[in-house]
Amino acid sequence: MLKKTVLVTLVALVCLALPVLAQETAGGAPAARTGVRWGALGAAFLLGIAAAAGAIGQGRATSAAADGISRNPGAAGPIRTMTVIGLALIESLVLYALLIAFLIRNL
């Protein structure tokens, strides 16, 4: 129990200290845009992770739906409806990641 309390306290302190790291330097000129574009790299990483996670989620949902329909063919209609709704929600999360990637790329 003590280890859990210490861990939660440390995580809270780290989260509270993060805004300090986001402060800009005082009076400095903006840096020239040379080298690696970190926004583009971050956007590509975000899209890769989101697409992979969405594909895994859709595969598992479809597999579970097929298993449920094969076990109980009488419930095929409601299972199919819930599966389509679930797949649409999973796909919407990937589209939100695409939107966020466009926003990151433009930084």
C-alpha atoms as a PDB file:
ATOM      1  CA  MET A   1       0.000   0.000   0.000  1.00  0.00           C
ATOM      2  CA  LEU A   2       2.869   2.360   0.798  1.00  0.00           C
ATOM      3  CA  LYS A   3       4.490   1.749  -2.599  1.00  0.00           C
ATOM      4  CA  LYS A   4       1.217   2.563  -4.335  1.00  0.00           C
ATOM      5  CA  THR A   5       0.840   5.805  -2.380  1.00  0.00           C
ATOM      6  CA  VAL A   6       4.400   6.851  -3.168  1.00  0.00           C
ATOM      7  CA  LEU A   7       3.919   6.056  -6.864  1.00  0.00           C
ATOM      8  CA  VAL A   8       0.667   8.027  -7.073  1.00  0.00           C
ATOM      9  CA  THR A   9       2.301  10.971  -5.276  1.00  0.00           C
ATOM     10  CA  LEU A  10       5.283  10.959  -7.643  1.00  0.00           C
ATOM     11  CA  VAL A  11       3.054  10.810 -10.710  1.00  0.00           C
ATOM     12  CA  ALA A  12       0.986  13.727  -9.370  1.00  0.00           C
ATOM     13  CA  LEU A  13       4.129  15.783  -8.726  1.00  0.00           C
ATOM     14  CA  VAL A  14       5.456  15.097 -12.207  1.00  0.00           C
ATOM     15  CA  CYS A  15       2.135  16.106 -13.754  1.00  0.00           C
ATOM     16  CA  LEU A  16       2.087  19.314 -11.723  1.00  0.00           C
ATOM     17  CA  ALA A  17       5.674  20.135 -12.749  1.00  0.00           C
ATOM     18  CA  LEU A  18       5.079  19.777 -16.500  1.00  0.00           C
ATOM     19  CA  PRO A  19       3.897  23.386 -17.097  1.00  0.00           C
ATOM     20  CA  VAL A  20       7.269  24.622 -15.843  1.00  0.00           C
ATOM     21  CA  LEU A  21       8.953  22.858 -18.734  1.00  0.00           C
ATOM     22  CA  ALA A  22       6.598  24.508 -21.245  1.00  0.00           C
ATOM     23  CA  GLN A  23       7.734  28.076 -20.515  1.00  0.00           C
ATOM     24  CA  GLU A  24       9.490  29.965 -23.280  1.00  0.00           C
ATOM     25  CA  THR A  25      12.861  31.569 -22.871  1.00  0.00           C
ATOM     26  CA  ALA A  26      12.700  35.275 -22.135  1.00  0.00           C
ATOM     27  CA  GLY A  27      13.568  37.714 -24.915  1.00  0.00           C
ATOM     28  CA  GLY A  28      15.034  35.234 -27.355  1.00  0.00           C
ATOM     29  CA  ALA A  29      14.623  35.503 -31.105  1.00  0.00           C
ATOM     30  CA  PRO A  30      12.663  32.727 -32.773  1.00  0.00           C
ATOM     31  CA  ALA A  31      14.860  29.904 -33.945  1.00  0.00           C
ATOM     32  CA  ALA A  32      15.333  29.254 -37.640  1.00  0.00           C
ATOM     33  CA  ARG A  33      13.449  26.265 -39.031  1.00  0.00           C
ATOM     34  CA  THR A  34      16.302  23.976 -39.913  1.00  0.00           C
ATOM     35  CA  GLY A  35      16.864  20.301 -39.415  1.00  0.00           C
ATOM     36  CA  VAL A  36      14.211  17.748 -38.596  1.00  0.00           C
ATOM     37  CA  ARG A  37      10.593  18.863 -38.580  1.00  0.00           C
ATOM     38  CA  TRP A  38       9.476  17.289 -35.310  1.00  0.00           C
ATOM     39  CA  GLY A  39       5.819  18.068 -35.979  1.00  0.00           C
ATOM     40  CA  ALA A  40       5.827  15.978 -39.152  1.00  0.00           C
ATOM     41  CA  LEU A  41       7.663  13.164 -37.398  1.00  0.00           C
ATOM     42  CA  GLY A  42       5.223  13.250 -34.474  1.00  0.00           C
ATOM     43  CA  ALA A  43       2.248  13.282 -36.847  1.00  0.00           C
ATOM     44  CA  ALA A  44       3.575  10.235 -38.690  1.00  0.00           C
ATOM     45  CA  PHE A  45       4.148   8.403 -35.409  1.00  0.00           C
ATOM     46  CA  LEU A  46       0.649   9.304 -34.186  1.00  0.00           C
ATOM     47  CA  LEU A  47      -0.982   8.075 -37.371  1.00  0.00           C
ATOM     48  CA  GLY A  48       0.964   4.823 -37.325  1.00  0.00           C
ATOM     49  CA  ILE A  49      -0.009   4.044 -33.742  1.00  0.00           C
ATOM     50  CA  ALA A  50      -3.650   5.078 -34.280  1.00  0.00           C
ATOM     51  CA  ALA A  51      -4.016   3.017 -37.459  1.00  0.00           C
ATOM     52  CA  ALA A  52      -2.439  -0.043 -35.841  1.00  0.00           C
ATOM     53  CA  ALA A  53      -4.573   0.228 -32.703  1.00  0.00           C
ATOM     54  CA  GLY A  54      -7.727   0.816 -34.764  1.00  0.00           C
ATOM     55  CA  ALA A  55      -7.002  -2.216 -36.937  1.00  0.00           C
ATOM     56  CA  ILE A  56      -6.418  -4.398 -33.880  1.00  0.00           C
ATOM     57  CA  GLY A  57      -9.633  -3.140 -32.277  1.00  0.00           C
ATOM     58  CA  GLN A  58     -11.676  -3.704 -35.412  1.00  0.00           C
ATOM     59  CA  GLY A  59     -10.255  -7.189 -35.839  1.00  0.00           C
ATOM     60  CA  ARG A  60     -11.067  -8.149 -32.279  1.00  0.00           C
ATOM     61  CA  ALA A  61     -14.579  -6.686 -32.505  1.00  0.00           C
ATOM     62  CA  THR A  62     -15.305  -8.505 -35.749  1.00  0.00           C
ATOM     63  CA  SER A  63     -13.936 -11.749 -34.356  1.00  0.00           C
ATOM     64  CA  ALA A  64     -16.056 -11.473 -31.222  1.00  0.00           C
ATOM     65  CA  ALA A  65     -19.148 -10.682 -33.287  1.00  0.00           C
ATOM     66  CA  ALA A  66     -18.588 -13.670 -35.568  1.00  0.00           C
ATOM     67  CA  ASP A  67     -18.073 -15.881 -32.518  1.00  0.00           C
ATOM     68  CA  GLY A  68     -21.261 -14.559 -30.905  1.00  0.00           C
ATOM     69  CA  ILE A  69     -23.307 -15.074 -34.064  1.00  0.00           C
ATOM     70  CA  SER A  70     -21.982 -18.604 -34.517  1.00  0.00           C
ATOM     71  CA  ARG A  71     -22.873 -19.486 -30.913  1.00  0.00           C
ATOM     72  CA  ASN A  72     -26.349 -17.934 -31.077  1.00  0.00           C
ATOM     73  CA  PRO A  73     -27.653 -17.440 -34.634  1.00  0.00           C
ATOM     74  CA  GLY A  74     -30.948 -16.099 -33.310  1.00  0.00           C
ATOM     75  CA  ALA A  75     -29.202 -13.004 -31.951  1.00  0.00           C
ATOM     76  CA  ALA A  76     -27.464 -12.186 -35.238  1.00  0.00           C
ATOM     77  CA  GLY A  77     -29.451  -8.976 -35.831  1.00  0.00           C
ATOM     78  CA  PRO A  78     -28.644  -7.188 -32.556  1.00  0.00           C
ATOM     79  CA  ILE A  79     -25.050  -8.431 -32.602  1.00  0.00           C
ATOM     80  CA  ARG A  80     -24.578  -7.144 -36.155  1.00  0.00           C
ATOM     81  CA  THR A  81     -26.079  -3.755 -35.236  1.00  0.00           C
ATOM     82  CA  MET A  82     -23.853  -3.324 -32.190  1.00  0.00           C
ATOM     83  CA  THR A  83     -20.819  -4.444 -34.197  1.00  0.00           C
ATOM     84  CA  VAL A  84     -21.439  -1.850 -36.908  1.00  0.00           C
ATOM     85  CA  ILE A  85     -21.869   0.879 -34.277  1.00  0.00           C
ATOM     86  CA  GLY A  86     -18.684  -0.247 -32.516  1.00  0.00           C
ATOM     87  CA  LEU A  87     -16.705  -0.320 -35.761  1.00  0.00           C
ATOM     88  CA  ALA A  88     -17.920   3.190 -36.615  1.00  0.00           C
ATOM     89  CA  LEU A  89     -16.778   4.459 -33.209  1.00  0.00           C
ATOM     90  CA  ILE A  90     -13.380   2.797 -33.580  1.00  0.00           C
ATOM     91  CA  GLU A  91     -12.962   4.343 -37.024  1.00  0.00           C
ATOM     92  CA  SER A  92     -13.961   7.764 -35.673  1.00  0.00           C
ATOM     93  CA  LEU A  93     -11.131   7.569 -33.150  1.00  0.00           C
ATOM     94  CA  VAL A  94      -8.671   6.963 -35.986  1.00  0.00           C
ATOM     95  CA  LEU A  95     -10.123   9.954 -37.850  1.00  0.00           C
ATOM     96  CA  TYR A  96      -9.680  12.100 -34.728  1.00  0.00           C
ATOM     97  CA  ALA A  97      -6.045  10.993 -34.670  1.00  0.00           C
ATOM     98  CA  LEU A  98      -5.763  12.107 -38.310  1.00  0.00           C
ATOM     99  CA  LEU A  99      -7.157  15.515 -37.377  1.00  0.00           C
ATOM    100  CA  ILE A 100      -4.707  15.826 -34.489  1.00  0.00           C
ATOM    101  CA  ALA A 101      -1.865  14.772 -36.787  1.00  0.00           C
ATOM    102  CA  PHE A 102      -2.751  17.590 -39.194  1.00  0.00           C
ATOM    103  CA  LEU A 103      -2.717  20.024 -36.275  1.00  0.00           C
ATOM    104  CA  ILE A 104       0.657  18.724 -35.039  1.00  0.00           C
ATOM    105  CA  ARG A 105       2.171  18.887 -38.526  1.00  0.00           C
ATOM    106  CA  ASN A 106       1.301  22.565 -38.852  1.00  0.00           C
ATOM    107  CA  LEU A 107       3.160  23.540 -35.669  1.00  0.00           C
END
